[in-house]
C-alpha atoms as a PDB file:
ATOM      1  CA  UNK A   1      26.746 276.756 -73.170  1.00  0.00           C
ATOM      2  CA  UNK A   2      29.196 279.421 -73.950  1.00  0.00           C
ATOM      3  CA  UNK A   3      30.292 280.498 -77.028  1.00  0.00           C
ATOM      4  CA  UNK A   4      34.096 279.238 -76.524  1.00  0.00           C
ATOM      5  CA  UNK A   5      32.866 276.046 -74.883  1.00  0.00           C
ATOM      6  CA  UNK A   6      31.280 275.127 -78.415  1.00  0.00           C
ATOM      7  CA  UNK A   7      33.438 276.544 -80.867  1.00  0.00           C
ATOM      8  CA  UNK A   8      36.509 274.248 -79.051  1.00  0.00           C
ATOM      9  CA  UNK A   9      33.470 271.643 -79.388  1.00  0.00           C
ATOM     10  CA  UNK A  10      33.702 272.446 -82.525  1.00  0.00           C
ATOM     11  CA  UNK A  11      37.083 272.100 -83.563  1.00  0.00           C
ATOM     12  CA  UNK A  12      37.714 269.230 -81.952  1.00  0.00           C
ATOM     13  CA  UNK A  13      34.892 267.273 -83.371  1.00  0.00           C
ATOM     14  CA  UNK A  14      36.034 268.169 -87.466  1.00  0.00           C
ATOM     15  CA  UNK A  15      39.922 266.728 -86.597  1.00  0.00           C
ATOM     16  CA  UNK A  16      38.443 263.695 -85.167  1.00  0.00           C
ATOM     17  CA  UNK A  17      36.031 263.236 -87.408  1.00  0.00           C
ATOM     18  CA  UNK A  18      37.622 264.314 -90.733  1.00  0.00           C
ATOM     19  CA  UNK A  19      33.650 266.055 -91.211  1.00  0.00           C
ATOM     20  CA  UNK A  20      30.785 267.238 -89.933  1.00  0.00           C
ATOM     21  CA  UNK A  21      26.949 268.940 -90.390  1.00  0.00           C
ATOM     22  CA  UNK A  22      25.512 271.712 -88.749  1.00  0.00           C
ATOM     23  CA  UNK A  23      22.908 269.426 -88.285  1.00  0.00           C
ATOM     24  CA  UNK A  24      25.818 267.037 -86.460  1.00  0.00           C
ATOM     25  CA  UNK A  25      27.067 269.907 -85.201  1.00  0.00           C
ATOM     26  CA  UNK A  26      23.858 271.205 -83.739  1.00  0.00           C
ATOM     27  CA  UNK A  27      23.446 268.069 -82.159  1.00  0.00           C
ATOM     28  CA  UNK A  28      26.599 267.510 -80.848  1.00  0.00           C
ATOM     29  CA  UNK A  29      26.729 270.793 -78.712  1.00  0.00           C
ATOM     30  CA  UNK A  30      23.281 271.643 -77.654  1.00  0.00           C
ATOM     31  CA  UNK A  31      22.801 274.471 -79.852  1.00  0.00           C
ATOM     32  CA  UNK A  32      20.578 276.507 -83.013  1.00  0.00           C
ATOM     33  CA  UNK A  33      21.828 275.730 -86.332  1.00  0.00           C
ATOM     34  CA  UNK A  34      22.362 279.231 -86.211  1.00  0.00           C
ATOM     35  CA  UNK A  35      24.536 280.002 -83.532  1.00  0.00           C
ATOM     36  CA  UNK A  36      26.890 276.937 -84.566  1.00  0.00           C
ATOM     37  CA  UNK A  37      27.542 279.280 -87.960  1.00  0.00           C
ATOM     38  CA  UNK A  38      28.219 282.129 -85.695  1.00  0.00           C
ATOM     39  CA  UNK A  39      30.127 279.986 -84.478  1.00  0.00           C
ATOM     40  CA  UNK A  40      32.055 278.691 -87.609  1.00  0.00           C
ATOM     41  CA  UNK A  41      31.840 282.341 -89.015  1.00  0.00           C
ATOM     42  CA  UNK A  42      34.374 283.014 -85.979  1.00  0.00           C
ATOM     43  CA  UNK A  43      36.358 280.316 -86.052  1.00  0.00           C
ATOM     44  CA  UNK A  44      37.308 281.295 -89.473  1.00  0.00           C
ATOM     45  CA  UNK A  45      38.299 284.526 -88.238  1.00  0.00           C
ATOM     46  CA  UNK A  46      40.360 283.333 -85.542  1.00  0.00           C
ATOM     47  CA  UNK A  47      42.274 281.682 -88.493  1.00  0.00           C
ATOM     48  CA  UNK A  48      40.423 278.866 -88.817  1.00  0.00           C
ATOM     49  CA  UNK A  49      40.181 277.548 -92.331  1.00  0.00           C
ATOM     50  CA  UNK A  50      36.681 275.334 -92.783  1.00  0.00           C
ATOM     51  CA  UNK A  51      35.875 274.693 -96.152  1.00  0.00           C
ATOM     52  CA  UNK A  52      31.997 273.484 -97.108  1.00  0.00           C
ATOM     53  CA  UNK A  53      31.083 271.133 -99.679  1.00  0.00           C
ATOM     54  CA  UNK A  54      27.963 272.289-101.207  1.00  0.00           C
ATOM     55  CA  UNK A  55      25.123 269.764-101.885  1.00  0.00           C
ATOM     56  CA  UNK A  56      23.001 267.266-100.953  1.00  0.00           C
ATOM     57  CA  UNK A  57      25.331 265.252 -98.512  1.00  0.00           C
ATOM     58  CA  UNK A  58      27.496 267.888 -98.342  1.00  0.00           C
ATOM     59  CA  UNK A  59      29.702 269.195 -95.050  1.00  0.00           C
ATOM     60  CA  UNK A  60      31.834 270.501 -92.846  1.00  0.00           C
ATOM     61  CA  UNK A  61      36.226 270.069 -93.044  1.00  0.00           C
ATOM     62  CA  UNK A  62      39.151 270.882 -91.917  1.00  0.00           C
ATOM     63  CA  UNK A  63      42.014 272.155 -93.545  1.00  0.00           C
ATOM     64  CA  UNK A  64      44.124 269.947 -91.321  1.00  0.00           C
ATOM     65  CA  UNK A  65      47.149 272.791 -92.650  1.00  0.00           C
ATOM     66  CA  UNK A  66      45.181 275.983 -90.617  1.00  0.00           C
ATOM     67  CA  UNK A  67      45.670 277.295 -87.738  1.00  0.00           C
ATOM     68  CA  UNK A  68      44.720 279.333 -84.810  1.00  0.00           C
ATOM     69  CA  UNK A  69      46.082 283.411 -85.223  1.00  0.00           C
ATOM     70  CA  UNK A  70      44.608 284.935 -82.715  1.00  0.00           C
ATOM     71  CA  UNK A  71      43.390 282.928 -79.678  1.00  0.00           C
ATOM     72  CA  UNK A  72      45.198 281.077 -77.153  1.00  0.00           C
ATOM     73  CA  UNK A  73      45.152 279.537 -74.349  1.00  0.00           C
ATOM     74  CA  UNK A  74      44.692 281.800 -71.407  1.00  0.00           C
ATOM     75  CA  UNK A  75      47.155 281.449 -67.903  1.00  0.00           C
ATOM     76  CA  UNK A  76      44.147 279.335 -65.647  1.00  0.00           C
ATOM     77  CA  UNK A  77      43.861 277.216 -68.763  1.00  0.00           C
ATOM     78  CA  UNK A  78      46.973 276.592 -68.464  1.00  0.00           C
ATOM     79  CA  UNK A  79      46.700 276.062 -65.005  1.00  0.00           C
ATOM     80  CA  UNK A  80      44.024 273.372 -65.501  1.00  0.00           C
ATOM     81  CA  UNK A  81      46.642 271.386 -67.931  1.00  0.00           C
ATOM     82  CA  UNK A  82      49.141 271.410 -65.618  1.00  0.00           C
ATOM     83  CA  UNK A  83      46.323 270.712 -62.408  1.00  0.00           C
ATOM     84  CA  UNK A  84      45.536 266.730 -64.753  1.00  0.00           C
ATOM     85  CA  UNK A  85      48.931 265.962 -65.787  1.00  0.00           C
ATOM     86  CA  UNK A  86      50.982 266.577 -62.296  1.00  0.00           C
ATOM     87  CA  UNK A  87      47.805 264.480 -60.872  1.00  0.00           C
ATOM     88  CA  UNK A  88      48.425 261.880 -63.474  1.00  0.00           C
ATOM     89  CA  UNK A  89      52.114 261.591 -62.236  1.00  0.00           C
ATOM     90  CA  UNK A  90      51.385 261.433 -59.127  1.00  0.00           C
ATOM     91  CA  UNK A  91      49.117 258.972 -59.388  1.00  0.00           C
ATOM     92  CA  UNK A  92      52.012 256.868 -61.043  1.00  0.00           C
ATOM     93  CA  UNK A  93      50.185 254.187 -63.038  1.00  0.00           C
ATOM     94  CA  UNK A  94      48.583 255.513 -66.301  1.00  0.00           C
ATOM     95  CA  UNK A  95      49.891 256.046 -69.501  1.00  0.00           C
ATOM     96  CA  UNK A  96      50.398 258.990 -71.819  1.00  0.00           C
ATOM     97  CA  UNK A  97      51.778 261.006 -68.512  1.00  0.00           C
ATOM     98  CA  UNK A  98      55.456 261.960 -69.750  1.00  0.00           C
ATOM     99  CA  UNK A  99      54.197 262.834 -73.006  1.00  0.00           C
ATOM    100  CA  UNK A 100      51.678 264.975 -71.801  1.00  0.00           C
ATOM    101  CA  UNK A 101      54.223 266.799 -69.396  1.00  0.00           C
ATOM    102  CA  UNK A 102      56.182 267.508 -72.866  1.00  0.00           C
ATOM    103  CA  UNK A 103      53.552 268.557 -74.534  1.00  0.00           C
ATOM    104  CA  UNK A 104      52.396 270.679 -71.510  1.00  0.00           C
ATOM    105  CA  UNK A 105      56.097 272.255 -71.453  1.00  0.00           C
ATOM    106  CA  UNK A 106      56.451 273.927 -74.730  1.00  0.00           C
ATOM    107  CA  UNK A 107      52.903 275.636 -74.534  1.00  0.00           C
ATOM    108  CA  UNK A 108      54.819 277.487 -71.624  1.00  0.00           C
ATOM    109  CA  UNK A 109      57.793 278.347 -72.732  1.00  0.00           C
ATOM    110  CA  UNK A 110      55.148 280.170 -75.383  1.00  0.00           C
ATOM    111  CA  UNK A 111      53.821 282.363 -72.552  1.00  0.00           C
ATOM    112  CA  UNK A 112      54.032 285.789 -72.651  1.00  0.00           C
ATOM    113  CA  UNK A 113      56.798 287.384 -69.666  1.00  0.00           C
ATOM    114  CA  UNK A 114      54.070 288.788 -68.103  1.00  0.00           C
ATOM    115  CA  UNK A 115      51.545 285.837 -68.293  1.00  0.00           C
ATOM    116  CA  UNK A 116      53.954 283.720 -66.572  1.00  0.00           C
ATOM    117  CA  UNK A 117      54.273 285.023 -64.067  1.00  0.00           C
ATOM    118  CA  UNK A 118      50.686 285.088 -63.391  1.00  0.00           C
ATOM    119  CA  UNK A 119      51.139 281.734 -64.216  1.00  0.00           C
ATOM    120  CA  UNK A 120      53.658 280.855 -60.984  1.00  0.00           C
ATOM    121  CA  UNK A 121      51.109 282.854 -59.224  1.00  0.00           C
ATOM    122  CA  UNK A 122      48.967 280.575 -59.079  1.00  0.00           C
ATOM    123  CA  UNK A 123      51.204 277.140 -58.864  1.00  0.00           C
ATOM    124  CA  UNK A 124      52.211 278.778 -55.933  1.00  0.00           C
ATOM    125  CA  UNK A 125      49.512 277.391 -54.942  1.00  0.00           C
ATOM    126  CA  UNK A 126      49.304 274.052 -55.570  1.00  0.00           C
ATOM    127  CA  UNK A 127      50.739 271.234 -54.194  1.00  0.00           C
ATOM    128  CA  UNK A 128      50.105 267.898 -55.492  1.00  0.00           C
ATOM    129  CA  UNK A 129      51.850 263.884 -53.743  1.00  0.00           C
ATOM    130  CA  UNK A 130      51.048 260.547 -53.204  1.00  0.00           C
ATOM    131  CA  UNK A 131      48.620 259.781 -50.572  1.00  0.00           C
ATOM    132  CA  UNK A 132      49.854 258.112 -47.679  1.00  0.00           C
ATOM    133  CA  UNK A 133      49.047 254.453 -47.979  1.00  0.00           C
ATOM    134  CA  UNK A 134      47.437 253.776 -44.629  1.00  0.00           C
ATOM    135  CA  UNK A 135      44.796 256.387 -45.822  1.00  0.00           C
ATOM    136  CA  UNK A 136      41.316 255.093 -46.325  1.00  0.00           C
ATOM    137  CA  UNK A 137      39.419 255.882 -49.150  1.00  0.00           C
ATOM    138  CA  UNK A 138      36.875 252.899 -49.017  1.00  0.00           C
ATOM    139  CA  UNK A 139      34.463 255.998 -47.311  1.00  0.00           C
ATOM    140  CA  UNK A 140      35.066 258.553 -50.448  1.00  0.00           C
ATOM    141  CA  UNK A 141      31.728 260.255 -51.134  1.00  0.00           C
ATOM    142  CA  UNK A 142      30.047 261.922 -54.044  1.00  0.00           C
ATOM    143  CA  UNK A 143      31.667 265.033 -54.012  1.00  0.00           C
ATOM    144  CA  UNK A 144      28.700 267.999 -54.411  1.00  0.00           C
ATOM    145  CA  UNK A 145      27.776 268.908 -58.088  1.00  0.00           C
ATOM    146  CA  UNK A 146      28.150 273.118 -57.328  1.00  0.00           C
ATOM    147  CA  UNK A 147      30.984 272.538 -55.528  1.00  0.00           C
ATOM    148  CA  UNK A 148      33.684 272.748 -58.480  1.00  0.00           C
ATOM    149  CA  UNK A 149      32.343 275.645 -60.072  1.00  0.00           C
ATOM    150  CA  UNK A 150      32.298 277.503 -57.581  1.00  0.00           C
ATOM    151  CA  UNK A 151      35.898 276.622 -55.748  1.00  0.00           C
ATOM    152  CA  UNK A 152      36.595 277.635 -59.542  1.00  0.00           C
ATOM    153  CA  UNK A 153      35.642 281.176 -58.997  1.00  0.00           C
ATOM    154  CA  UNK A 154      36.354 281.805 -55.543  1.00  0.00           C
ATOM    155  CA  UNK A 155      39.900 280.714 -55.738  1.00  0.00           C
ATOM    156  CA  UNK A 156      40.611 282.579 -59.627  1.00  0.00           C
ATOM    157  CA  UNK A 157      38.552 285.744 -57.751  1.00  0.00           C
ATOM    158  CA  UNK A 158      40.397 285.492 -54.934  1.00  0.00           C
ATOM    159  CA  UNK A 159      36.604 285.089 -53.435  1.00  0.00           C
ATOM    160  CA  UNK A 160      35.115 283.881 -49.454  1.00  0.00           C
ATOM    161  CA  UNK A 161      33.077 280.313 -49.733  1.00  0.00           C
ATOM    162  CA  UNK A 162      30.695 279.094 -47.455  1.00  0.00           C
ATOM    163  CA  UNK A 163      29.444 275.683 -47.475  1.00  0.00           C
ATOM    164  CA  UNK A 164      28.494 273.039 -45.241  1.00  0.00           C
ATOM    165  CA  UNK A 165      31.720 270.587 -43.696  1.00  0.00           C
ATOM    166  CA  UNK A 166      31.289 267.837 -41.795  1.00  0.00           C
ATOM    167  CA  UNK A 167      34.100 265.945 -40.734  1.00  0.00           C
ATOM    168  CA  UNK A 168      34.652 262.564 -40.277  1.00  0.00           C
ATOM    169  CA  UNK A 169      32.918 262.063 -36.776  1.00  0.00           C
ATOM    170  CA  UNK A 170      29.430 262.937 -39.409  1.00  0.00           C
ATOM    171  CA  UNK A 171      28.796 266.990 -37.498  1.00  0.00           C
ATOM    172  CA  UNK A 172      28.128 269.096 -38.893  1.00  0.00           C
ATOM    173  CA  UNK A 173      29.496 272.945 -39.327  1.00  0.00           C
ATOM    174  CA  UNK A 174      29.001 276.372 -41.195  1.00  0.00           C
ATOM    175  CA  UNK A 175      32.269 277.513 -41.829  1.00  0.00           C
ATOM    176  CA  UNK A 176      33.260 280.686 -44.424  1.00  0.00           C
ATOM    177  CA  UNK A 177      36.631 281.197 -45.731  1.00  0.00           C
ATOM    178  CA  UNK A 178      39.107 281.867 -48.070  1.00  0.00           C
ATOM    179  CA  UNK A 179      40.167 279.395 -50.258  1.00  0.00           C
ATOM    180  CA  UNK A 180      44.003 279.903 -50.183  1.00  0.00           C
ATOM    181  CA  UNK A 181      45.349 276.202 -52.058  1.00  0.00           C
ATOM    182  CA  UNK A 182      44.430 273.209 -53.532  1.00  0.00           C
ATOM    183  CA  UNK A 183      46.363 269.803 -52.274  1.00  0.00           C
ATOM    184  CA  UNK A 184      45.464 266.752 -54.068  1.00  0.00           C
ATOM    185  CA  UNK A 185      46.780 263.760 -53.519  1.00  0.00           C
ATOM    186  CA  UNK A 186      45.278 261.217 -56.209  1.00  0.00           C
ATOM    187  CA  UNK A 187      42.023 259.999 -55.566  1.00  0.00           C
ATOM    188  CA  UNK A 188      41.672 263.220 -53.236  1.00  0.00           C
ATOM    189  CA  UNK A 189      41.787 266.401 -53.013  1.00  0.00           C
ATOM    190  CA  UNK A 190      41.253 269.149 -50.300  1.00  0.00           C
ATOM    191  CA  UNK A 191      40.463 272.630 -50.370  1.00  0.00           C
ATOM    192  CA  UNK A 192      42.913 274.771 -48.090  1.00  0.00           C
ATOM    193  CA  UNK A 193      41.689 277.728 -46.780  1.00  0.00           C
ATOM    194  CA  UNK A 194      42.023 280.447 -44.134  1.00  0.00           C
ATOM    195  CA  UNK A 195      38.908 279.910 -41.647  1.00  0.00           C
ATOM    196  CA  UNK A 196      37.558 282.912 -41.042  1.00  0.00           C
ATOM    197  CA  UNK A 197      36.159 281.771 -37.108  1.00  0.00           C
ATOM    198  CA  UNK A 198      38.595 280.293 -36.250  1.00  0.00           C
ATOM    199  CA  UNK A 199      41.777 282.355 -37.381  1.00  0.00           C
ATOM    200  CA  UNK A 200      43.391 279.428 -38.947  1.00  0.00           C
ATOM    201  CA  UNK A 201      44.653 277.428 -42.055  1.00  0.00           C
ATOM    202  CA  UNK A 202      42.439 274.575 -42.294  1.00  0.00           C
ATOM    203  CA  UNK A 203      42.314 271.244 -44.471  1.00  0.00           C
ATOM    204  CA  UNK A 204      38.294 270.308 -46.273  1.00  0.00           C
ATOM    205  CA  UNK A 205      38.178 267.369 -48.432  1.00  0.00           C
ATOM    206  CA  UNK A 206      36.118 267.838 -51.441  1.00  0.00           C
ATOM    207  CA  UNK A 207      33.549 264.856 -50.699  1.00  0.00           C
ATOM    208  CA  UNK A 208      32.885 266.421 -47.045  1.00  0.00           C
ATOM    209  CA  UNK A 209      31.500 270.418 -48.877  1.00  0.00           C
ATOM    210  CA  UNK A 210      27.798 270.933 -49.591  1.00  0.00           C
ATOM    211  CA  UNK A 211      26.275 273.728 -50.820  1.00  0.00           C
ATOM    212  CA  UNK A 212      28.679 275.553 -51.525  1.00  0.00           C
ATOM    213  CA  UNK A 213      28.616 279.796 -52.008  1.00  0.00           C
ATOM    214  CA  UNK A 214      30.792 281.980 -53.837  1.00  0.00           C
ATOM    215  CA  UNK A 215      30.310 285.587 -52.039  1.00  0.00           C
ATOM    216  CA  UNK A 216      30.004 288.471 -53.301  1.00  0.00           C
ATOM    217  CA  UNK A 217      32.541 291.379 -50.923  1.00  0.00           C
ATOM    218  CA  UNK A 218      35.890 291.952 -50.832  1.00  0.00           C
ATOM    219  CA  UNK A 219      38.466 289.931 -52.669  1.00  0.00           C
ATOM    220  CA  UNK A 220      40.628 288.550 -49.669  1.00  0.00           C
ATOM    221  CA  UNK A 221      44.677 288.447 -50.055  1.00  0.00           C
ATOM    222  CA  UNK A 222      47.414 285.881 -50.390  1.00  0.00           C
ATOM    223  CA  UNK A 223      48.563 284.293 -47.245  1.00  0.00           C
ATOM    224  CA  UNK A 224      51.604 282.077 -47.259  1.00  0.00           C
ATOM    225  CA  UNK A 225      50.558 277.490 -47.253  1.00  0.00           C
ATOM    226  CA  UNK A 226      53.044 275.291 -45.955  1.00  0.00           C
ATOM    227  CA  UNK A 227      53.099 271.352 -46.122  1.00  0.00           C
ATOM    228  CA  UNK A 228      54.825 268.207 -45.527  1.00  0.00           C
ATOM    229  CA  UNK A 229      58.016 267.209 -46.408  1.00  0.00           C
ATOM    230  CA  UNK A 230      56.344 264.646 -48.558  1.00  0.00           C
ATOM    231  CA  UNK A 231      54.221 267.442 -50.692  1.00  0.00           C
ATOM    232  CA  UNK A 232      55.383 269.932 -52.858  1.00  0.00           C
ATOM    233  CA  UNK A 233      54.644 272.627 -54.618  1.00  0.00           C
ATOM    234  CA  UNK A 234      54.128 271.669 -58.771  1.00  0.00           C
ATOM    235  CA  UNK A 235      56.663 274.091 -60.354  1.00  0.00           C
ATOM    236  CA  UNK A 236      57.146 273.982 -64.602  1.00  0.00           C
ATOM    237  CA  UNK A 237      57.357 277.249 -65.726  1.00  0.00           C
END
């Protein structure tokens, strides 16, 4: 687990439980005591006030008034939040979707102009809409565990991907693609990509992709993708 991920877990644990011990945090993040101590030091450097009580049974406490002074959400992190909240809205029946939407808008208002431009570029590649009622989702399969990290990397870095694709009839083909956009129709999502062998845009359903791999190749160029009128690009910022 990376240091930022561990530190996020530590802060969430302290906020939710009120207190914790080095041992309990070490078990929660799956790291040694010395690693947890280093993470706590880094968090204090960022502005979090973490108080350690000495003695038997002592623990760690997070001052609820302390604030993070140097770190902020990256553009990909804000983009990830937008994907989650837009999917909640498209689902239409999940609680707290409107409050999550409101909270996200506050985060986006704090973005500096150059980050806002980068976020809008990513949003041009995100389309979310309701799934048509005639679509059969009874045959949705298990998503390959390697797909999400591979797709995220290829999408953000504009790197080519290769994978095996199984169509609705069960035929398998090897594909090399340029990930251009995401089409999210809960509970399904599609990788929208330029297929280099077919020289055209193709939609690949997430549960039909297997053995994905990111290629170390020059960045591909962004292409303009259009969808049916019922599916709109996500717009927040």
